[in-house]
């Protein structure tokens, strides 16, 4: 079974649980911790589903899934999920991610992303913000974010975070937070 099929199956199962109202918040498991964790049904519902799926696939080395369903301050909604097997991740070329991580490693770029997700879309609006530097510096940061796929231009100096990057960006921020 291909990765896309496995992810589709996980999405189907999660959707069925959501429809039945059985998607509780995560509860910490021994050795694990969940943001905003609270006791509900005494288990990690997402982790349990992943473990079941991996067992059916015979993926002994395991895997990871990240998913999210968000509504931005602009009212836009995004639901997204991605999964990968541990072996594929460990054998892959991690250096390919360096530019993407570097683009996120700058406080001004992170602020630009936050402002764009919050509704400021034009270069003029962004250059009007205090504390981000000159318009030339801001354009440099916007180019870096666009080159690495965290932003895209939508014409006439307008920027947006691509829909397929909204949840991954929030996952990266979550992962970077220290519990």
Protein backbone atom coordinates (compact mmCIF):
# COMPACT_ATOMS: atom_id res chain seq x y z
CA UNK A 1 0.00 0.00 0.00
CA UNK A 2 1.41 3.39 -1.00
CA UNK A 3 1.92 6.21 1.50
CA UNK A 4 -0.89 8.24 -0.07
CA UNK A 5 -3.30 5.33 0.41
CA UNK A 6 -2.23 4.94 4.02
CA UNK A 7 -2.72 8.65 4.68
CA UNK A 8 -6.13 8.54 2.98
CA UNK A 9 -7.11 5.62 5.23
CA UNK A 10 -6.01 7.57 8.33
CA UNK A 11 -8.01 10.58 7.14
CA UNK A 12 -11.05 8.37 6.58
CA UNK A 13 -10.77 6.89 10.06
CA UNK A 14 -10.25 10.29 11.71
CA UNK A 15 -13.24 11.68 9.82
CA UNK A 16 -15.41 8.79 11.02
CA UNK A 17 -14.33 9.43 14.61
CA UNK A 18 -15.02 13.16 14.26
CA UNK A 19 -18.49 12.46 12.86
CA UNK A 20 -19.28 10.28 15.86
CA UNK A 21 -17.92 12.97 18.21
CA UNK A 22 -15.27 10.58 19.53
CA UNK A 23 -12.20 12.71 18.93
CA UNK A 24 -11.08 13.74 22.42
CA UNK A 25 -8.03 15.83 23.25
CA UNK A 26 -4.78 13.93 23.67
CA UNK A 27 -3.82 12.53 27.05
CA UNK A 28 -0.17 12.06 28.01
CA UNK A 29 1.10 8.52 27.57
CA UNK A 30 3.92 7.13 29.68
CA UNK A 31 7.01 8.89 28.40
CA UNK A 32 4.96 11.24 26.22
CA UNK A 33 3.29 14.58 26.55
CA UNK A 34 0.59 16.38 24.61
CA UNK A 35 -0.05 20.13 24.40
CA UNK A 36 -3.21 20.96 26.26
CA UNK A 37 -3.43 17.34 27.32
CA UNK A 38 -6.39 16.21 29.37
CA UNK A 39 -7.78 12.85 30.36
CA UNK A 40 -10.43 11.49 28.02
CA UNK A 41 -11.09 7.81 27.40
CA UNK A 42 -7.62 7.17 28.91
CA UNK A 43 -5.71 7.05 25.62
CA UNK A 44 -3.99 8.89 22.80
CA UNK A 45 -6.64 8.61 20.10
CA UNK A 46 -4.44 9.83 17.22
CA UNK A 47 -1.43 7.82 18.33
CA UNK A 48 -3.54 4.71 18.81
CA UNK A 49 -4.94 5.11 15.28
CA UNK A 50 -1.44 5.52 13.86
CA UNK A 51 -0.18 2.45 15.72
CA UNK A 52 -3.10 0.40 14.39
CA UNK A 53 -2.45 1.58 10.84
CA UNK A 54 1.28 0.86 11.08
CA UNK A 55 0.56 -2.63 12.45
CA UNK A 56 -1.74 -3.37 9.50
CA UNK A 57 0.97 -2.21 7.13
CA UNK A 58 3.65 -4.25 8.86
CA UNK A 59 5.69 -1.09 9.39
CA UNK A 60 7.79 -2.38 12.29
CA UNK A 61 9.99 0.72 12.43
CA UNK A 62 6.96 2.97 12.85
CA UNK A 63 6.09 6.26 11.31
CA UNK A 64 4.91 9.78 11.96
CA UNK A 65 1.79 11.70 11.06
CA UNK A 66 1.07 15.36 11.49
CA UNK A 67 -2.32 16.80 10.97
CA UNK A 68 -4.36 19.83 11.77
CA UNK A 69 -7.68 21.56 11.28
CA UNK A 70 -7.40 25.31 11.72
CA UNK A 71 -9.37 28.50 11.20
CA UNK A 72 -7.23 31.59 10.69
CA UNK A 73 -8.15 35.09 11.93
CA UNK A 74 -9.18 35.81 8.31
CA UNK A 75 -11.84 33.08 8.55
CA UNK A 76 -10.04 30.75 6.14
CA UNK A 77 -10.13 27.10 7.17
CA UNK A 78 -7.52 24.47 6.46
CA UNK A 79 -7.48 20.76 7.20
CA UNK A 80 -4.37 18.85 6.29
CA UNK A 81 -2.55 15.63 7.09
CA UNK A 82 0.72 14.03 6.08
CA UNK A 83 2.45 10.83 7.10
CA UNK A 84 5.78 9.15 6.51
CA UNK A 85 7.44 5.91 7.53
CA UNK A 86 10.39 6.10 9.92
CA UNK A 87 12.72 4.24 7.55
CA UNK A 88 11.96 6.63 4.69
CA UNK A 89 12.64 9.61 6.93
CA UNK A 90 15.89 8.27 8.35
CA UNK A 91 17.20 7.25 4.93
CA UNK A 92 16.24 10.53 3.23
CA UNK A 93 18.54 13.44 2.54
CA UNK A 94 17.99 15.79 5.46
CA UNK A 95 20.16 18.50 3.90
CA UNK A 96 17.30 19.17 1.46
CA UNK A 97 15.37 20.70 4.38
CA UNK A 98 18.15 23.14 5.35
CA UNK A 99 16.95 26.08 3.23
CA UNK A 100 13.39 25.69 4.45
CA UNK A 101 14.50 25.63 8.08
CA UNK A 102 16.86 28.55 7.48
CA UNK A 103 14.01 30.60 6.07
CA UNK A 104 12.07 30.03 9.29
CA UNK A 105 15.12 30.76 11.44
CA UNK A 106 14.72 34.52 11.28
CA UNK A 107 12.43 36.47 13.65
CA UNK A 108 11.42 38.97 10.95
CA UNK A 109 10.38 36.17 8.59
CA UNK A 110 8.36 34.49 11.30
CA UNK A 111 6.61 37.79 12.02
CA UNK A 112 5.90 38.27 8.32
CA UNK A 113 4.34 34.81 8.15
CA UNK A 114 2.21 35.51 11.22
CA UNK A 115 1.05 38.84 9.82
CA UNK A 116 0.18 37.29 6.46
CA UNK A 117 -1.78 34.49 8.14
CA UNK A 118 -3.51 37.22 10.14
CA UNK A 119 -4.71 39.03 7.03
CA UNK A 120 -2.05 41.47 5.92
CA UNK A 121 -1.39 40.46 2.33
CA UNK A 122 0.25 43.27 0.39
CA UNK A 123 3.86 44.33 0.42
CA UNK A 124 2.67 47.86 1.23
CA UNK A 125 0.84 46.66 4.35
CA UNK A 126 3.84 44.63 5.46
CA UNK A 127 6.36 47.42 4.93
CA UNK A 128 4.13 49.65 7.06
CA UNK A 129 4.69 47.48 10.12
CA UNK A 130 7.12 48.73 12.73
CA UNK A 131 10.23 46.84 13.73
CA UNK A 132 10.68 44.85 10.52
CA UNK A 133 13.35 46.97 8.87
CA UNK A 134 13.44 48.87 5.62
CA UNK A 135 11.25 48.02 2.65
CA UNK A 136 14.32 46.57 0.93
CA UNK A 137 14.96 44.27 3.90
CA UNK A 138 11.32 43.21 4.02
CA UNK A 139 11.33 42.39 0.29
CA UNK A 140 14.49 40.33 0.85
CA UNK A 141 12.72 38.32 3.57
CA UNK A 142 9.61 37.89 1.41
CA UNK A 143 11.79 36.54 -1.43
CA UNK A 144 13.45 34.05 0.93
CA UNK A 145 10.09 32.80 2.18
CA UNK A 146 8.76 32.58 -1.38
CA UNK A 147 11.85 30.75 -2.65
CA UNK A 148 11.44 28.06 0.02
CA UNK A 149 7.69 27.65 -0.49
CA UNK A 150 6.49 29.19 2.76
CA UNK A 151 4.90 32.02 0.76
CA UNK A 152 3.61 32.50 -2.75
CA UNK A 153 2.73 35.63 -4.63
CA UNK A 154 -0.82 36.05 -5.81
CA UNK A 155 -0.16 39.06 -8.04
CA UNK A 156 0.18 42.80 -7.56
CA UNK A 157 2.46 42.59 -4.54
CA UNK A 158 0.13 40.26 -2.63
CA UNK A 159 1.39 37.30 -0.63
CA UNK A 160 -0.20 34.25 0.97
CA UNK A 161 0.90 31.13 2.79
CA UNK A 162 -0.04 28.26 0.44
CA UNK A 163 -2.84 26.14 1.86
CA UNK A 164 -0.61 23.06 1.95
CA UNK A 165 1.87 24.93 4.14
CA UNK A 166 -0.49 26.41 6.77
CA UNK A 167 -0.75 23.32 8.99
CA UNK A 168 2.92 22.31 8.48
CA UNK A 169 3.98 25.82 9.55
CA UNK A 170 1.88 25.57 12.70
CA UNK A 171 3.27 22.06 13.33
CA UNK A 172 6.84 23.38 13.05
CA UNK A 173 6.01 26.15 15.52
CA UNK A 174 4.46 23.62 17.86
CA UNK A 175 7.50 21.35 17.58
CA UNK A 176 9.84 24.26 18.27
CA UNK A 177 8.00 25.21 21.48
CA UNK A 178 9.58 23.85 24.60
CA UNK A 179 7.08 22.04 26.83
